[in-house]
Amino acid sequence: MRRAILALTLAFAGVASPLSAQGMLRLATTTSTQDSGLLGAILPDFERVCACRVSVIAVGSGQALEIGRRGDADVLLVHSRKAEDLFVAEGHARARFDVMYNDFVLVGPAGDPAKAGGTRLAREAFAAIARAAAPFASRGDKSGTHVVEQETWAAAQVAPVPPWYRSLGQGMGETLMFAQEQQAYTLTDRATWMALRGRLPALRVWLGGDNPAENSDPRLRNQYGVLAVSPDRHPGVNAVLAGRFVDWLLSPPTQRIIGEFGISRFGQPLFRPNAAVK
């Protein structure tokens, strides 16, 4: 399943190998890995060890998976587990691997007009928002975050409707800025929230606490996976670089960098590495 570890070991040792030929890797990924700054922190190392360039396409997870289905990306880093498993079942990837996780939090206006801060579970908070007809900003982009949001409305037995419910078709950063301007609630991954909260003074976390350990709703865990697009289904993909990227991303050195990212600035990591040792 995983590429041979020898090529990765040679790369980390600075020894050229046949797999280190210069090229371009097309990475389709969710906006949170870009908006949080994680990609900017880790990708230069991969480009160095592989003597390649990475072209990043940052969109919602649903869009990233569709790009992979067209063969227009070599590797995916996304967070929509059911859709990822379907991607593999359809033959677009041979396997998926856990990489890291964070969690989702509910943010909203400082005054908390829906009293969402008095709830323990996301479905309870969503029901309170609906009862109050308080403004809610949805990404509306079929991203992993949007999928979790829709599942939460269903669990709350609420069909959200305008005018208090706004579906934007935007990424997480844009949705947070809209919530700031319109004094709306929104569901966000914690990493993007922490990276941007200095620009969002009107918003507060009303469900999820200050770190994942304080998040009272286990359904808000946000798992990320990596999938190399299958050359069997899409012969034009750069399967060599995609395989090397998967090995590099799951390797102990990169996992350690992921686990340290954000600590110096925020006092806690923005992502928790959890790649399994194969």
Protein backbone atom coordinates (compact mmCIF):
# COMPACT_ATOMS: atom_id res chain seq x y z
CA MET A 1 0.00 0.00 0.00
CA ARG A 2 2.60 2.54 1.01
CA ARG A 3 5.55 3.26 -1.30
CA ALA A 4 8.86 1.64 -0.34
CA ILE A 5 10.45 3.54 2.51
CA LEU A 6 13.90 3.37 0.91
CA ALA A 7 13.25 6.22 -1.52
CA LEU A 8 12.05 8.45 1.31
CA THR A 9 15.05 7.59 3.46
CA LEU A 10 17.41 8.48 0.62
CA ALA A 11 15.61 11.75 0.08
CA PHE A 12 15.88 12.75 3.72
CA ALA A 13 19.55 11.83 3.65
CA GLY A 14 20.06 14.16 0.69
CA VAL A 15 20.99 11.30 -1.66
CA ALA A 16 19.56 11.50 -5.17
CA SER A 17 17.39 8.56 -6.16
CA PRO A 18 15.68 7.62 -9.42
CA LEU A 19 12.37 8.82 -7.93
CA SER A 20 13.65 12.34 -7.24
CA ALA A 21 13.38 13.55 -10.81
CA GLN A 22 12.23 17.14 -11.00
CA GLY A 23 8.56 17.63 -11.82
CA MET A 24 5.25 19.13 -10.76
CA LEU A 25 2.88 17.69 -8.18
CA ARG A 26 -0.75 18.82 -8.33
CA LEU A 27 -2.20 18.85 -4.80
CA ALA A 28 -5.95 19.36 -4.44
CA THR A 29 -6.76 20.15 -0.84
CA THR A 30 -9.28 21.71 1.49
CA THR A 31 -9.07 25.44 2.16
CA SER A 32 -8.24 24.95 5.85
CA THR A 33 -4.77 23.56 5.11
CA GLN A 34 -4.05 26.72 3.11
CA ASP A 35 -5.90 29.32 5.22
CA SER A 36 -4.28 28.05 8.43
CA GLY A 37 -0.79 28.45 6.96
CA LEU A 38 0.06 24.74 7.30
CA LEU A 39 0.92 24.21 3.65
CA GLY A 40 3.24 27.20 3.64
CA ALA A 41 5.04 25.71 6.64
CA ILE A 42 5.54 22.17 5.34
CA LEU A 43 5.57 22.13 1.53
CA PRO A 44 8.97 23.82 1.03
CA ASP A 45 10.57 20.80 2.70
CA PHE A 46 8.88 18.39 0.29
CA GLU A 47 9.85 20.52 -2.70
CA ARG A 48 13.44 20.50 -1.47
CA VAL A 49 13.77 16.77 -0.88
CA CYS A 50 12.00 15.86 -4.12
CA ALA A 51 13.45 18.62 -6.33
CA CYS A 52 9.94 19.38 -7.51
CA ARG A 53 7.25 22.02 -7.35
CA VAL A 54 3.83 21.64 -5.75
CA SER A 55 0.86 23.32 -7.41
CA VAL A 56 -1.85 23.79 -4.76
CA ILE A 57 -5.55 23.83 -5.60
CA ALA A 58 -7.31 24.89 -2.37
CA VAL A 59 -11.07 24.30 -2.53
CA GLY A 60 -13.70 22.50 -0.49
CA SER A 61 -13.12 18.78 0.05
CA GLY A 62 -16.03 17.89 -2.24
CA GLN A 63 -14.56 19.98 -5.03
CA ALA A 64 -11.09 18.53 -4.43
CA LEU A 65 -12.48 15.02 -4.78
CA GLU A 66 -14.22 15.97 -8.02
CA ILE A 67 -10.93 17.35 -9.34
CA GLY A 68 -9.37 14.00 -8.47
CA ARG A 69 -12.18 12.14 -10.25
CA ARG A 70 -11.30 14.05 -13.43
CA GLY A 71 -7.64 13.16 -13.06
CA ASP A 72 -6.77 16.85 -12.72
CA ALA A 73 -4.84 16.33 -9.46
CA ASP A 74 -2.16 13.85 -8.48
CA VAL A 75 -2.87 13.69 -4.76
CA LEU A 76 -5.62 14.87 -2.39
CA LEU A 77 -5.48 16.11 1.21
CA VAL A 78 -9.08 16.41 2.37
CA HIS A 79 -11.49 15.91 5.28
CA SER A 80 -14.72 14.20 4.24
CA ARG A 81 -14.37 10.57 5.28
CA LYS A 82 -17.46 9.06 3.66
CA ALA A 83 -16.69 10.78 0.38
CA GLU A 84 -13.05 9.67 0.61
CA ASP A 85 -14.06 6.05 1.12
CA LEU A 86 -16.38 6.30 -1.89
CA PHE A 87 -13.50 7.76 -3.93
CA VAL A 88 -11.44 4.66 -3.15
CA ALA A 89 -14.38 2.28 -3.77
CA GLU A 90 -14.87 3.84 -7.19
CA GLY A 91 -11.25 3.09 -8.06
CA HIS A 92 -9.99 6.67 -8.21
CA ALA A 93 -7.44 5.91 -5.46
CA ARG A 94 -5.96 2.66 -4.24
CA ALA A 95 -6.09 3.66 -0.56
CA ARG A 96 -6.53 6.55 1.87
CA PHE A 97 -4.50 7.23 5.01
CA ASP A 98 -5.19 9.21 8.17
CA VAL A 99 -2.87 12.22 8.40
CA MET A 100 -4.06 14.48 11.21
CA TYR A 101 -7.17 15.84 12.86
CA ASN A 102 -8.56 18.91 14.53
CA ASP A 103 -12.16 19.75 15.33
CA PHE A 104 -15.05 22.00 14.41
CA VAL A 105 -16.29 24.85 16.57
CA LEU A 106 -19.38 27.02 16.41
CA VAL A 107 -18.60 30.72 16.36
CA GLY A 108 -21.01 33.63 16.42
CA PRO A 109 -21.73 37.18 17.56
CA ALA A 110 -20.36 38.30 20.90
CA GLY A 111 -23.86 38.83 22.24
CA ASP A 112 -24.89 35.21 21.45
CA PRO A 113 -28.50 36.09 20.51
CA ALA A 114 -29.47 32.41 20.14
CA LYS A 115 -27.92 31.44 23.51
CA ALA A 116 -25.92 28.76 21.73
CA GLY A 117 -23.25 29.03 24.41
CA GLY A 118 -25.55 27.27 26.86
CA THR A 119 -25.57 24.02 24.87
CA ARG A 120 -23.29 20.96 24.93
CA LEU A 121 -23.92 19.45 21.51
CA ALA A 122 -23.86 20.98 18.06
CA ARG A 123 -27.40 19.79 17.26
CA GLU A 124 -28.68 21.59 20.36
CA ALA A 125 -26.87 24.78 19.38
CA PHE A 126 -28.22 24.58 15.83
CA ALA A 127 -31.76 24.07 17.13
CA ALA A 128 -31.37 27.16 19.32
CA ILE A 129 -30.16 29.20 16.34
CA ALA A 130 -33.18 28.09 14.30
CA ARG A 131 -35.62 28.94 17.11
CA ALA A 132 -34.13 32.41 17.35
CA ALA A 133 -33.95 32.76 13.54
CA ALA A 134 -30.45 34.11 14.19
CA PRO A 135 -28.27 34.71 11.11
CA PHE A 136 -26.24 31.67 10.10
CA ALA A 137 -23.57 31.63 7.37
CA SER A 138 -23.08 28.30 5.60
CA ARG A 139 -20.16 27.57 3.33
CA GLY A 140 -22.61 25.92 0.94
CA ASP A 141 -19.76 24.46 -1.11
CA LYS A 142 -19.99 20.69 -0.52
CA SER A 143 -16.81 20.86 1.55
CA GLY A 144 -16.17 18.56 4.49
CA THR A 145 -17.24 21.38 6.80
CA HIS A 146 -20.46 21.88 4.82
CA VAL A 147 -21.22 18.15 5.01
CA VAL A 148 -20.84 18.16 8.81
CA GLU A 149 -23.01 21.27 9.03
CA GLN A 150 -25.76 19.63 6.97
CA GLU A 151 -25.57 16.47 9.08
CA THR A 152 -25.93 18.62 12.19
CA TRP A 153 -29.05 20.37 10.90
CA ALA A 154 -30.51 16.93 10.16
CA ALA A 155 -29.65 15.73 13.67
CA ALA A 156 -31.38 18.83 15.04
CA GLN A 157 -34.43 18.04 12.85
CA VAL A 158 -34.21 21.50 11.30
CA ALA A 159 -34.45 22.47 7.63
CA PRO A 160 -32.66 25.86 7.61
CA VAL A 161 -34.22 28.49 5.36
CA PRO A 162 -33.56 32.08 4.31
CA PRO A 163 -33.56 34.87 5.24
CA TRP A 164 -31.74 33.94 8.46
CA TYR A 165 -29.84 31.10 6.73
CA ARG A 166 -27.33 32.17 4.07
CA SER A 167 -25.62 29.61 1.79
CA LEU A 168 -22.53 31.32 0.37
CA GLY A 169 -20.68 28.84 -1.83
CA GLN A 170 -17.41 30.16 -0.36
CA GLY A 171 -14.35 28.86 1.44
CA MET A 172 -13.90 28.94 5.19
CA GLY A 173 -11.98 32.20 5.35
CA GLU A 174 -14.54 34.04 3.24
CA THR A 175 -17.41 32.54 5.27
CA LEU A 176 -15.84 33.68 8.53
CA MET A 177 -15.40 37.19 7.17
CA PHE A 178 -19.07 37.21 6.11
CA ALA A 179 -20.11 36.08 9.60
CA GLN A 180 -18.01 38.88 11.08
CA GLU A 181 -19.64 41.50 8.86
CA GLN A 182 -23.20 40.19 9.20
CA GLN A 183 -23.05 39.17 12.88
CA ALA A 184 -23.86 35.58 11.98
CA TYR A 185 -23.08 32.18 13.42
CA THR A 186 -21.04 29.66 11.42
CA LEU A 187 -19.40 26.27 11.81
CA THR A 188 -15.64 26.37 11.22
CA ASP A 189 -12.64 24.13 11.62
CA ARG A 190 -10.62 25.26 14.61
CA ALA A 191 -7.38 25.73 12.64
CA THR A 192 -8.84 28.34 10.28
CA TRP A 193 -10.61 30.07 13.16
CA MET A 194 -7.42 30.35 15.18
CA ALA A 195 -5.40 31.54 12.20
CA LEU A 196 -7.93 34.28 11.35
CA ARG A 197 -9.50 35.22 14.67
CA GLY A 198 -7.34 38.36 14.98
CA ARG A 199 -9.34 39.71 12.04
CA LEU A 200 -12.67 38.61 13.55
CA PRO A 201 -13.11 40.68 16.72
CA ALA A 202 -16.92 40.51 16.64
CA LEU A 203 -17.02 36.70 16.84
CA ARG A 204 -16.64 34.29 19.75
CA VAL A 205 -16.51 30.50 20.12
CA TRP A 206 -19.85 29.38 21.56
CA LEU A 207 -19.41 25.62 21.25
CA GLY A 208 -16.10 23.76 21.25
CA GLY A 209 -14.08 25.44 23.98
CA ASP A 210 -10.54 26.72 23.74
CA ASN A 211 -9.01 23.44 22.54
CA PRO A 212 -10.16 20.02 21.30
CA ALA A 213 -10.06 18.56 24.83
CA GLU A 214 -12.77 21.04 25.83
CA ASN A 215 -15.03 20.21 22.88
CA SER A 216 -18.09 18.54 24.40
CA ASP A 217 -19.39 17.08 21.11
CA PRO A 218 -17.39 14.07 19.85
CA ARG A 219 -19.14 14.32 16.47
CA LEU A 220 -17.19 17.52 15.79
CA ARG A 221 -13.87 15.74 15.37
CA ASN A 222 -12.39 16.63 11.98
CA GLN A 223 -10.20 13.91 10.44
CA TYR A 224 -7.98 14.59 7.41
CA GLY A 225 -6.90 11.95 4.91
CA VAL A 226 -4.45 11.75 2.01
CA LEU A 227 -5.16 9.88 -1.22
CA ALA A 228 -2.88 9.42 -4.23
CA VAL A 229 -4.98 9.42 -7.40
CA SER A 230 -4.75 6.02 -9.07
CA PRO A 231 -2.75 5.79 -12.30
CA ASP A 232 -4.84 2.72 -13.18
CA ARG A 233 -7.90 4.96 -13.52
CA HIS A 234 -6.06 8.14 -14.53
CA PRO A 235 -2.86 7.30 -16.49
CA GLY A 236 -1.87 10.96 -16.79
CA VAL A 237 -1.27 11.53 -13.08
CA ASN A 238 2.22 11.88 -11.63
CA ALA A 239 1.98 8.68 -9.60
CA VAL A 240 5.65 8.70 -8.59
CA LEU A 241 5.54 12.14 -6.97
CA ALA A 242 2.10 11.44 -5.48
CA GLY A 243 3.42 8.29 -3.81
CA ARG A 244 6.44 10.13 -2.50
CA PHE A 245 4.20 12.87 -1.13
CA VAL A 246 2.07 10.33 0.74
CA ASP A 247 5.16 8.70 2.27
CA TRP A 248 6.63 12.08 3.18
CA LEU A 249 3.39 13.36 4.73
CA LEU A 250 2.99 10.24 6.87
CA SER A 251 6.66 10.04 7.88
CA PRO A 252 7.66 10.76 11.50
CA PRO A 253 9.63 13.94 10.63
CA THR A 254 6.69 15.53 8.81
CA GLN A 255 4.20 14.34 11.40
CA ARG A 256 6.35 16.02 14.05
CA ILE A 257 6.33 19.31 12.10
CA ILE A 258 2.54 19.12 11.77
CA GLY A 259 2.20 18.51 15.50
CA GLU A 260 4.33 21.55 16.31
CA PHE A 261 2.65 23.90 13.84
CA GLY A 262 0.84 26.70 15.66
CA ILE A 263 2.25 26.12 19.14
CA SER A 264 4.59 29.11 19.13
CA ARG A 265 1.87 31.48 17.92
CA PHE A 266 -1.28 30.08 19.52
CA GLY A 267 -0.03 28.00 22.43
CA GLN A 268 -1.44 24.81 20.91
CA PRO A 269 -1.09 22.90 17.63
CA LEU A 270 -3.61 23.67 14.90
CA PHE A 271 -3.58 20.03 13.79
CA ARG A 272 -2.94 16.80 15.70
CA PRO A 273 -0.93 14.25 13.68
CA ASN A 274 -2.26 10.69 13.79
CA ALA A 275 -0.78 8.78 10.84
CA ALA A 276 -0.69 5.07 11.53
CA VAL A 277 2.63 3.26 11.24
CA LYS A 278 2.37 0.82 8.35
